[in-house]
C-alpha atoms as a PDB file:
ATOM      1  CA  UNK A   1      57.524  91.252 -27.657  1.00  0.00           C
ATOM      2  CA  UNK A   2      56.678  87.689 -26.603  1.00  0.00           C
ATOM      3  CA  UNK A   3      59.181  87.759 -23.715  1.00  0.00           C
ATOM      4  CA  UNK A   4      57.315  90.650 -22.041  1.00  0.00           C
ATOM      5  CA  UNK A   5      54.641  89.849 -19.481  1.00  0.00           C
ATOM      6  CA  UNK A   6      51.465  91.587 -18.393  1.00  0.00           C
ATOM      7  CA  UNK A   7      49.791  91.196 -15.000  1.00  0.00           C
ATOM      8  CA  UNK A   8      46.025  90.873 -15.409  1.00  0.00           C
ATOM      9  CA  UNK A   9      43.718  91.237 -12.392  1.00  0.00           C
ATOM     10  CA  UNK A  10      40.017  90.377 -12.544  1.00  0.00           C
ATOM     11  CA  UNK A  11      38.201  93.240 -10.748  1.00  0.00           C
ATOM     12  CA  UNK A  12      34.526  93.146 -11.843  1.00  0.00           C
ATOM     13  CA  UNK A  13      32.091  90.250 -11.904  1.00  0.00           C
ATOM     14  CA  UNK A  14      30.853  88.702 -15.150  1.00  0.00           C
ATOM     15  CA  UNK A  15      27.323  88.278 -13.757  1.00  0.00           C
ATOM     16  CA  UNK A  16      24.921  89.801 -16.264  1.00  0.00           C
ATOM     17  CA  UNK A  17      27.489  89.897 -19.073  1.00  0.00           C
ATOM     18  CA  UNK A  18      27.530  87.827 -22.224  1.00  0.00           C
ATOM     19  CA  UNK A  19      28.977  84.328 -22.372  1.00  0.00           C
ATOM     20  CA  UNK A  20      31.776  85.586 -24.626  1.00  0.00           C
ATOM     21  CA  UNK A  21      33.081  87.837 -21.826  1.00  0.00           C
ATOM     22  CA  UNK A  22      32.926  84.958 -19.331  1.00  0.00           C
ATOM     23  CA  UNK A  23      34.756  82.705 -21.783  1.00  0.00           C
ATOM     24  CA  UNK A  24      37.476  85.285 -22.394  1.00  0.00           C
ATOM     25  CA  UNK A  25      38.053  85.687 -18.648  1.00  0.00           C
ATOM     26  CA  UNK A  26      38.437  81.899 -18.343  1.00  0.00           C
ATOM     27  CA  UNK A  27      40.729  81.757 -21.395  1.00  0.00           C
ATOM     28  CA  UNK A  28      43.013  84.302 -19.722  1.00  0.00           C
ATOM     29  CA  UNK A  29      43.397  81.849 -16.829  1.00  0.00           C
ATOM     30  CA  UNK A  30      41.293  83.759 -14.322  1.00  0.00           C
ATOM     31  CA  UNK A  31      39.043  81.725 -12.014  1.00  0.00           C
ATOM     32  CA  UNK A  32      38.232  83.990  -9.049  1.00  0.00           C
ATOM     33  CA  UNK A  33      37.432  87.652  -8.640  1.00  0.00           C
ATOM     34  CA  UNK A  34      40.510  89.718  -7.607  1.00  0.00           C
ATOM     35  CA  UNK A  35      42.830  86.974  -8.867  1.00  0.00           C
ATOM     36  CA  UNK A  36      45.940  88.041 -10.810  1.00  0.00           C
ATOM     37  CA  UNK A  37      47.795  86.130 -13.516  1.00  0.00           C
ATOM     38  CA  UNK A  38      50.793  86.933 -15.677  1.00  0.00           C
ATOM     39  CA  UNK A  39      50.315  86.432 -19.403  1.00  0.00           C
ATOM     40  CA  UNK A  40      52.590  86.902 -22.396  1.00  0.00           C
ATOM     41  CA  UNK A  41      52.325  90.250 -24.186  1.00  0.00           C
ATOM     42  CA  UNK A  42      51.215  89.086 -27.638  1.00  0.00           C
ATOM     43  CA  UNK A  43      48.741  90.567 -30.127  1.00  0.00           C
ATOM     44  CA  UNK A  44      46.303  87.719 -29.434  1.00  0.00           C
ATOM     45  CA  UNK A  45      46.347  88.364 -25.681  1.00  0.00           C
ATOM     46  CA  UNK A  46      46.089  92.142 -26.251  1.00  0.00           C
ATOM     47  CA  UNK A  47      42.910  91.518 -28.280  1.00  0.00           C
ATOM     48  CA  UNK A  48      41.460  89.378 -25.486  1.00  0.00           C
ATOM     49  CA  UNK A  49      42.284  92.079 -22.946  1.00  0.00           C
ATOM     50  CA  UNK A  50      40.586  94.700 -25.095  1.00  0.00           C
ATOM     51  CA  UNK A  51      37.392  92.596 -25.259  1.00  0.00           C
ATOM     52  CA  UNK A  52      37.076  92.458 -21.451  1.00  0.00           C
ATOM     53  CA  UNK A  53      38.769  95.749 -20.517  1.00  0.00           C
ATOM     54  CA  UNK A  54      35.740  96.762 -18.426  1.00  0.00           C
ATOM     55  CA  UNK A  55      36.233  93.708 -16.162  1.00  0.00           C
ATOM     56  CA  UNK A  56      40.007  93.717 -15.623  1.00  0.00           C
ATOM     57  CA  UNK A  57      43.038  95.823 -14.725  1.00  0.00           C
ATOM     58  CA  UNK A  58      46.317  95.385 -16.608  1.00  0.00           C
ATOM     59  CA  UNK A  59      49.798  96.264 -15.298  1.00  0.00           C
ATOM     60  CA  UNK A  60      53.323  95.639 -16.475  1.00  0.00           C
ATOM     61  CA  UNK A  61      54.968  93.752 -13.574  1.00  0.00           C
ATOM     62  CA  UNK A  62      58.393  95.390 -13.923  1.00  0.00           C
ATOM     63  CA  UNK A  63      57.161  98.956 -14.476  1.00  0.00           C
ATOM     64  CA  UNK A  64      56.844 100.382 -10.982  1.00  0.00           C
ATOM     65  CA  UNK A  65      56.335 104.135 -10.808  1.00  0.00           C
ATOM     66  CA  UNK A  66      59.136 105.883  -8.955  1.00  0.00           C
ATOM     67  CA  UNK A  67      57.970 108.875  -6.881  1.00  0.00           C
ATOM     68  CA  UNK A  68      59.840 112.065  -7.677  1.00  0.00           C
ATOM     69  CA  UNK A  69      62.043 113.300  -4.863  1.00  0.00           C
ATOM     70  CA  UNK A  70      61.721 116.857  -3.643  1.00  0.00           C
ATOM     71  CA  UNK A  71      64.023 119.282  -5.428  1.00  0.00           C
ATOM     72  CA  UNK A  72      64.433 117.024  -8.468  1.00  0.00           C
ATOM     73  CA  UNK A  73      63.952 118.738 -11.840  1.00  0.00           C
ATOM     74  CA  UNK A  74      62.704 117.092 -14.952  1.00  0.00           C
END
C-alpha cells in the first residue's frame, strides 16, 4: 500500500476556514491554490485527505479512464 501514490490538487481556498484545515493543507505539501503534489497512499495521509476533502481533489496518477469504443460490449 505504501508504494501507491495519490495526486492531490488544492482547489478551494482556506480563507475563512479553521487553522487546522490550513495546517493540514501545508502538511500535505501544498503551498498555492491549484497546485498538485503526489503523496504516498498510507492510512495517515488518507486521514489528512478526509479532513480537508472539501478543499482538495484526489486522483490516482496511473488510473486513467479509458473511453469505451463504439460496438464494444461489457
